[in-house]
PDB file of N, CA and C in Angstrom:
ATOM      1  N   MET A   1     -26.780 -45.298  30.012  1.00  0.00           N
ATOM      2  CA  MET A   1     -26.509 -44.944  31.365  1.00  0.00           C
ATOM      3  C   MET A   1     -27.340 -43.396  31.192  1.00  0.00           C
ATOM      4  N   THR A   2     -27.586 -43.297  32.875  1.00  0.00           N
ATOM      5  CA  THR A   2     -28.385 -41.914  33.200  1.00  0.00           C
ATOM      6  C   THR A   2     -28.146 -40.177  33.460  1.00  0.00           C
ATOM      7  N   GLY A   3     -26.333 -41.234  33.980  1.00  0.00           N
ATOM      8  CA  GLY A   3     -25.516 -40.543  34.781  1.00  0.00           C
ATOM      9  C   GLY A   3     -26.375 -40.768  36.041  1.00  0.00           C
ATOM     10  N   ASP A   4     -27.095 -41.527  36.767  1.00  0.00           N
ATOM     11  CA  ASP A   4     -27.293 -41.395  38.188  1.00  0.00           C
ATOM     12  C   ASP A   4     -26.291 -42.298  38.967  1.00  0.00           C
ATOM     13  N   SER A   5     -25.810 -42.840  38.507  1.00  0.00           N
ATOM     14  CA  SER A   5     -24.559 -43.850  39.263  1.00  0.00           C
ATOM     15  C   SER A   5     -23.588 -44.050  38.767  1.00  0.00           C
ATOM     16  N   VAL A   6     -22.253 -44.037  40.229  1.00  0.00           N
ATOM     17  CA  VAL A   6     -20.961 -44.214  39.660  1.00  0.00           C
ATOM     18  C   VAL A   6     -20.694 -45.245  39.432  1.00  0.00           C
ATOM     19  N   HIS A   7     -19.996 -45.608  38.312  1.00  0.00           N
ATOM     20  CA  HIS A   7     -19.737 -46.802  37.500  1.00  0.00           C
ATOM     21  C   HIS A   7     -18.220 -46.829  38.131  1.00  0.00           C
ATOM     22  N   MET A   8     -17.296 -45.547  38.520  1.00  0.00           N
ATOM     23  CA  MET A   8     -15.355 -46.346  38.853  1.00  0.00           C
ATOM     24  C   MET A   8     -15.425 -44.866  39.835  1.00  0.00           C
ATOM     25  N   ALA A   9     -14.445 -45.310  40.686  1.00  0.00           N
ATOM     26  CA  ALA A   9     -14.717 -44.423  41.300  1.00  0.00           C
ATOM     27  C   ALA A   9     -12.777 -44.131  42.254  1.00  0.00           C
ATOM     28  N   HIS A  10     -12.131 -42.934  41.602  1.00  0.00           N
ATOM     29  CA  HIS A  10     -10.482 -43.181  42.396  1.00  0.00           C
ATOM     30  C   HIS A  10      -9.750 -41.061  42.664  1.00  0.00           C
ATOM     31  N   ALA A  11      -9.345 -41.548  44.059  1.00  0.00           N
ATOM     32  CA  ALA A  11      -9.331 -40.149  44.782  1.00  0.00           C
ATOM     33  C   ALA A  11      -7.865 -39.691  43.647  1.00  0.00           C
ATOM     34  N   LEU A  12      -8.330 -38.419  43.238  1.00  0.00           N
ATOM     35  CA  LEU A  12      -7.774 -36.999  43.184  1.00  0.00           C
ATOM     36  C   LEU A  12      -6.272 -38.158  42.796  1.00  0.00           C
ATOM     37  N   LYS A  13      -5.542 -38.227  43.727  1.00  0.00           N
ATOM     38  CA  LYS A  13      -4.798 -38.037  44.186  1.00  0.00           C
ATOM     39  C   LYS A  13      -3.646 -39.322  43.969  1.00  0.00           C
ATOM     40  N   ARG A  14      -4.329 -40.206  43.587  1.00  0.00           N
ATOM     41  CA  ARG A  14      -4.493 -41.272  42.568  1.00  0.00           C
ATOM     42  C   ARG A  14      -4.175 -41.433  40.943  1.00  0.00           C
ATOM     43  N   ILE A  15      -4.465 -39.640  40.756  1.00  0.00           N
ATOM     44  CA  ILE A  15      -4.486 -39.844  38.626  1.00  0.00           C
ATOM     45  C   ILE A  15      -3.716 -39.152  38.703  1.00  0.00           C
ATOM     46  N   SER A  16      -2.120 -39.537  37.228  1.00  0.00           N
ATOM     47  CA  SER A  16      -1.405 -38.265  37.035  1.00  0.00           C
ATOM     48  C   SER A  16      -1.479 -38.234  35.683  1.00  0.00           C
ATOM     49  N   TYR A  17      -2.603 -38.073  35.433  1.00  0.00           N
ATOM     50  CA  TYR A  17      -2.565 -37.978  33.501  1.00  0.00           C
ATOM     51  C   TYR A  17      -3.727 -37.456  33.240  1.00  0.00           C
ATOM     52  N   ALA A  18      -4.713 -36.312  33.279  1.00  0.00           N
ATOM     53  CA  ALA A  18      -6.139 -36.603  32.089  1.00  0.00           C
ATOM     54  C   ALA A  18      -5.887 -35.671  30.495  1.00  0.00           C
ATOM     55  N   THR A  19      -6.910 -36.635  30.454  1.00  0.00           N
ATOM     56  CA  THR A  19      -7.131 -35.498  29.070  1.00  0.00           C
ATOM     57  C   THR A  19      -7.881 -35.797  28.634  1.00  0.00           C
ATOM     58  N   CYS A  20      -8.007 -34.984  27.693  1.00  0.00           N
ATOM     59  CA  CYS A  20      -9.689 -35.306  27.046  1.00  0.00           C
ATOM     60  C   CYS A  20      -9.631 -34.789  24.534  1.00  0.00           C
ATOM     61  N   ASP A  21     -10.499 -35.087  23.843  1.00  0.00           N
ATOM     62  CA  ASP A  21     -11.351 -35.018  22.598  1.00  0.00           C
ATOM     63  C   ASP A  21     -12.076 -34.621  22.405  1.00  0.00           C
ATOM     64  N   PRO A  22     -12.766 -32.677  23.338  1.00  0.00           N
ATOM     65  CA  PRO A  22     -13.968 -32.698  22.691  1.00  0.00           C
ATOM     66  C   PRO A  22     -15.277 -32.944  21.255  1.00  0.00           C
ATOM     67  N   GLU A  23     -13.855 -32.799  20.210  1.00  0.00           N
ATOM     68  CA  GLU A  23     -14.482 -33.174  18.936  1.00  0.00           C
ATOM     69  C   GLU A  23     -14.995 -34.969  19.429  1.00  0.00           C
ATOM     70  N   GLY A  24     -14.365 -35.403  19.696  1.00  0.00           N
ATOM     71  CA  GLY A  24     -13.919 -37.160  19.466  1.00  0.00           C
ATOM     72  C   GLY A  24     -14.927 -37.671  21.333  1.00  0.00           C
ATOM     73  N   THR A  25     -15.351 -36.646  20.781  1.00  0.00           N
ATOM     74  CA  THR A  25     -16.296 -36.992  22.517  1.00  0.00           C
ATOM     75  C   THR A  25     -15.533 -37.942  23.743  1.00  0.00           C
ATOM     76  N   GLN A  26     -14.393 -38.255  23.366  1.00  0.00           N
ATOM     77  CA  GLN A  26     -13.691 -38.247  24.378  1.00  0.00           C
ATOM     78  C   GLN A  26     -12.940 -37.856  25.137  1.00  0.00           C
ATOM     79  N   PHE A  27     -13.069 -39.030  26.622  1.00  0.00           N
ATOM     80  CA  PHE A  27     -12.239 -38.434  27.726  1.00  0.00           C
ATOM     81  C   PHE A  27     -11.172 -38.908  28.100  1.00  0.00           C
ATOM     82  N   SER A  28      -9.328 -38.653  28.910  1.00  0.00           N
ATOM     83  CA  SER A  28      -8.551 -40.890  29.393  1.00  0.00           C
ATOM     84  C   SER A  28      -8.164 -39.962  30.809  1.00  0.00           C
ATOM     85  N   PHE A  29      -7.771 -41.172  31.249  1.00  0.00           N
ATOM     86  CA  PHE A  29      -6.716 -40.409  32.693  1.00  0.00           C
ATOM     87  C   PHE A  29      -6.228 -41.650  32.326  1.00  0.00           C
ATOM     88  N   LEU A  30      -5.370 -40.970  34.206  1.00  0.00           N
ATOM     89  CA  LEU A  30      -4.113 -42.588  33.909  1.00  0.00           C
ATOM     90  C   LEU A  30      -4.028 -42.097  35.390  1.00  0.00           C
ATOM     91  N   ALA A  31      -4.652 -44.101  36.520  1.00  0.00           N
ATOM     92  CA  ALA A  31      -4.266 -43.440  37.770  1.00  0.00           C
ATOM     93  C   ALA A  31      -3.566 -44.677  38.884  1.00  0.00           C
ATOM     94  N   ARG A  32      -3.655 -45.686  39.359  1.00  0.00           N
ATOM     95  CA  ARG A  32      -2.249 -46.265  40.064  1.00  0.00           C
ATOM     96  C   ARG A  32      -3.884 -46.900  41.123  1.00  0.00           C
ATOM     97  N   GLU A  33      -3.968 -47.660  41.274  1.00  0.00           N
ATOM     98  CA  GLU A  33      -4.390 -49.493  41.917  1.00  0.00           C
ATOM     99  C   GLU A  33      -4.833 -48.176  43.378  1.00  0.00           C
ATOM    100  N   PRO A  34      -4.738 -48.455  44.998  1.00  0.00           N
ATOM    101  CA  PRO A  34      -5.086 -48.686  45.951  1.00  0.00           C
ATOM    102  C   PRO A  34      -3.580 -48.885  46.439  1.00  0.00           C
ATOM    103  N   ARG A  35      -3.197 -50.020  46.218  1.00  0.00           N
ATOM    104  CA  ARG A  35      -2.260 -50.680  46.706  1.00  0.00           C
ATOM    105  C   ARG A  35      -1.900 -51.663  45.584  1.00  0.00           C
ATOM    106  N   GLY A  36      -1.442 -51.231  44.617  1.00  0.00           N
ATOM    107  CA  GLY A  36      -0.962 -51.467  43.651  1.00  0.00           C
ATOM    108  C   GLY A  36       0.760 -50.815  43.143  1.00  0.00           C
ATOM    109  N   HIS A  37       1.672 -50.703  43.226  1.00  0.00           N
ATOM    110  CA  HIS A  37       2.824 -50.325  43.021  1.00  0.00           C
ATOM    111  C   HIS A  37       2.623 -49.179  41.824  1.00  0.00           C
ATOM    112  N   PHE A  38       3.442 -48.084  42.507  1.00  0.00           N
ATOM    113  CA  PHE A  38       3.167 -46.475  42.220  1.00  0.00           C
ATOM    114  C   PHE A  38       3.385 -46.930  40.855  1.00  0.00           C
ATOM    115  N   SER A  39       4.652 -47.746  40.086  1.00  0.00           N
ATOM    116  CA  SER A  39       4.688 -47.255  38.505  1.00  0.00           C
ATOM    117  C   SER A  39       3.503 -48.098  38.118  1.00  0.00           C
ATOM    118  N   LEU A  40       2.822 -48.758  37.566  1.00  0.00           N
ATOM    119  CA  LEU A  40       2.123 -49.429  37.476  1.00  0.00           C
ATOM    120  C   LEU A  40       1.013 -48.495  37.380  1.00  0.00           C
ATOM    121  N   GLN A  41       0.335 -48.482  35.663  1.00  0.00           N
ATOM    122  CA  GLN A  41      -1.443 -47.153  35.697  1.00  0.00           C
ATOM    123  C   GLN A  41      -2.473 -47.623  35.384  1.00  0.00           C
ATOM    124  N   TYR A  42      -3.540 -47.473  34.926  1.00  0.00           N
ATOM    125  CA  TYR A  42      -3.927 -48.358  33.719  1.00  0.00           C
ATOM    126  C   TYR A  42      -4.464 -46.912  33.809  1.00  0.00           C
ATOM    127  N   CYS A  43      -5.142 -47.310  31.934  1.00  0.00           N
ATOM    128  CA  CYS A  43      -5.436 -46.022  31.513  1.00  0.00           C
ATOM    129  C   CYS A  43      -7.476 -46.466  31.157  1.00  0.00           C
ATOM    130  N   HIS A  44      -7.986 -45.583  31.816  1.00  0.00           N
ATOM    131  CA  HIS A  44      -9.300 -45.690  31.631  1.00  0.00           C
ATOM    132  C   HIS A  44      -9.672 -44.899  30.456  1.00  0.00           C
ATOM    133  N   SER A  45     -10.260 -44.410  29.146  1.00  0.00           N
ATOM    134  CA  SER A  45     -11.169 -43.841  28.048  1.00  0.00           C
ATOM    135  C   SER A  45     -12.498 -44.170  28.886  1.00  0.00           C
ATOM    136  N   PHE A  46     -12.829 -42.621  28.031  1.00  0.00           N
ATOM    137  CA  PHE A  46     -15.020 -42.609  28.051  1.00  0.00           C
ATOM    138  C   PHE A  46     -15.043 -42.161  26.838  1.00  0.00           C
ATOM    139  N   VAL A  47     -16.422 -42.743  26.390  1.00  0.00           N
ATOM    140  CA  VAL A  47     -17.150 -41.918  25.042  1.00  0.00           C
ATOM    141  C   VAL A  47     -17.848 -40.634  25.791  1.00  0.00           C
ATOM    142  N   THR A  48     -18.578 -39.887  25.122  1.00  0.00           N
ATOM    143  CA  THR A  48     -20.010 -39.053  25.746  1.00  0.00           C
ATOM    144  C   THR A  48     -20.562 -39.390  24.956  1.00  0.00           C
ATOM    145  N   GLN A  49     -21.421 -38.972  25.149  1.00  0.00           N
ATOM    146  CA  GLN A  49     -22.532 -38.483  24.050  1.00  0.00           C
ATOM    147  C   GLN A  49     -22.781 -36.953  23.707  1.00  0.00           C
ATOM    148  N   THR A  50     -21.698 -36.293  24.483  1.00  0.00           N
ATOM    149  CA  THR A  50     -21.615 -34.790  23.228  1.00  0.00           C
ATOM    150  C   THR A  50     -20.272 -34.243  23.757  1.00  0.00           C
ATOM    151  N   PRO A  51     -19.816 -33.163  23.450  1.00  0.00           N
ATOM    152  CA  PRO A  51     -18.008 -32.587  23.732  1.00  0.00           C
ATOM    153  C   PRO A  51     -18.344 -31.657  24.758  1.00  0.00           C
ATOM    154  N   GLU A  52     -20.041 -31.489  24.858  1.00  0.00           N
ATOM    155  CA  GLU A  52     -20.074 -30.705  26.072  1.00  0.00           C
ATOM    156  C   GLU A  52     -20.325 -31.560  27.727  1.00  0.00           C
ATOM    157  N   GLN A  53     -19.917 -33.017  27.367  1.00  0.00           N
ATOM    158  CA  GLN A  53     -19.724 -34.154  28.625  1.00  0.00           C
ATOM    159  C   GLN A  53     -18.447 -34.134  28.909  1.00  0.00           C
ATOM    160  N   VAL A  54     -17.707 -33.646  27.539  1.00  0.00           N
ATOM    161  CA  VAL A  54     -15.970 -33.791  28.268  1.00  0.00           C
ATOM    162  C   VAL A  54     -15.406 -33.374  28.468  1.00  0.00           C
ATOM    163  N   SER A  55     -15.765 -31.855  28.489  1.00  0.00           N
ATOM    164  CA  SER A  55     -15.067 -29.883  29.537  1.00  0.00           C
ATOM    165  C   SER A  55     -16.018 -30.804  30.397  1.00  0.00           C
ATOM    166  N   THR A  56     -17.084 -30.870  30.696  1.00  0.00           N
ATOM    167  CA  THR A  56     -17.059 -30.989  31.994  1.00  0.00           C
ATOM    168  C   THR A  56     -16.534 -31.885  32.964  1.00  0.00           C
ATOM    169  N   LYS A  57     -16.239 -32.733  31.903  1.00  0.00           N
ATOM    170  CA  LYS A  57     -15.939 -34.024  33.380  1.00  0.00           C
ATOM    171  C   LYS A  57     -13.613 -33.425  32.840  1.00  0.00           C
ATOM    172  N   MET A  58     -13.548 -33.343  32.520  1.00  0.00           N
ATOM    173  CA  MET A  58     -12.727 -32.438  31.772  1.00  0.00           C
ATOM    174  C   MET A  58     -11.882 -30.873  33.237  1.00  0.00           C
ATOM    175  N   SER A  59     -13.154 -31.115  33.917  1.00  0.00           N
ATOM    176  CA  SER A  59     -12.829 -30.060  34.518  1.00  0.00           C
ATOM    177  C   SER A  59     -13.342 -29.578  35.826  1.00  0.00           C
ATOM    178  N   VAL A  60     -14.311 -31.475  36.331  1.00  0.00           N
ATOM    179  CA  VAL A  60     -14.418 -31.391  37.273  1.00  0.00           C
ATOM    180  C   VAL A  60     -12.832 -32.472  37.758  1.00  0.00           C
ATOM    181  N   GLN A  61     -11.947 -32.623  37.006  1.00  0.00           N
ATOM    182  CA  GLN A  61     -10.597 -33.630  36.550  1.00  0.00           C
ATOM    183  C   GLN A  61      -9.789 -32.413  37.465  1.00  0.00           C
ATOM    184  N   VAL A  62      -9.805 -30.619  36.513  1.00  0.00           N
ATOM    185  CA  VAL A  62      -8.836 -30.086  37.313  1.00  0.00           C
ATOM    186  C   VAL A  62      -8.924 -29.192  38.271  1.00  0.00           C
ATOM    187  N   HIS A  63     -10.422 -28.955  37.950  1.00  0.00           N
ATOM    188  CA  HIS A  63     -11.162 -28.532  39.672  1.00  0.00           C
ATOM    189  C   HIS A  63     -10.524 -29.701  41.077  1.00  0.00           C
ATOM    190  N   GLY A  64     -10.686 -30.508  40.953  1.00  0.00           N
ATOM    191  CA  GLY A  64     -10.090 -31.568  41.998  1.00  0.00           C
ATOM    192  C   GLY A  64      -8.942 -31.527  41.800  1.00  0.00           C
ATOM    193  N   GLU A  65      -7.906 -31.611  40.981  1.00  0.00           N
ATOM    194  CA  GLU A  65      -6.590 -30.904  41.413  1.00  0.00           C
ATOM    195  C   GLU A  65      -6.634 -30.231  42.212  1.00  0.00           C
ATOM    196  N   ARG A  66      -6.883 -28.538  41.361  1.00  0.00           N
ATOM    197  CA  ARG A  66      -6.603 -27.305  42.010  1.00  0.00           C
ATOM    198  C   ARG A  66      -6.977 -27.748  43.841  1.00  0.00           C
ATOM    199  N   MET A  67      -7.946 -28.362  43.845  1.00  0.00           N
ATOM    200  CA  MET A  67      -8.868 -28.956  45.504  1.00  0.00           C
ATOM    201  C   MET A  67      -7.233 -29.478  46.468  1.00  0.00           C
ATOM    202  N   LEU A  68      -7.674 -30.048  46.058  1.00  0.00           N
ATOM    203  CA  LEU A  68      -6.275 -31.934  46.751  1.00  0.00           C
ATOM    204  C   LEU A  68      -5.085 -30.700  46.912  1.00  0.00           C
ATOM    205  N   ASN A  69      -3.634 -29.604  46.185  1.00  0.00           N
ATOM    206  CA  ASN A  69      -3.017 -28.745  45.992  1.00  0.00           C
ATOM    207  C   ASN A  69      -3.327 -27.600  47.304  1.00  0.00           C
ATOM    208  N   ARG A  70      -4.032 -27.498  47.650  1.00  0.00           N
ATOM    209  CA  ARG A  70      -4.540 -26.433  48.500  1.00  0.00           C
ATOM    210  C   ARG A  70      -3.067 -26.235  49.155  1.00  0.00           C
TER     211      ARG A  70
END
């Protein structure tokens, strides 16, 4: 994977929780589907190649939530 294409996308308002483990190069978030029941959520977990990639993904998540909640 080169990072040149989108493999999955969720609107920030549907993501309820995100966490990361830079040392383990892992990033995860909980999200619900657009037309799914509000209590049904799916966990998406990813393994990156470097701890820096994990930190970048978490920063994007946090920055996006701040922009959404303005």
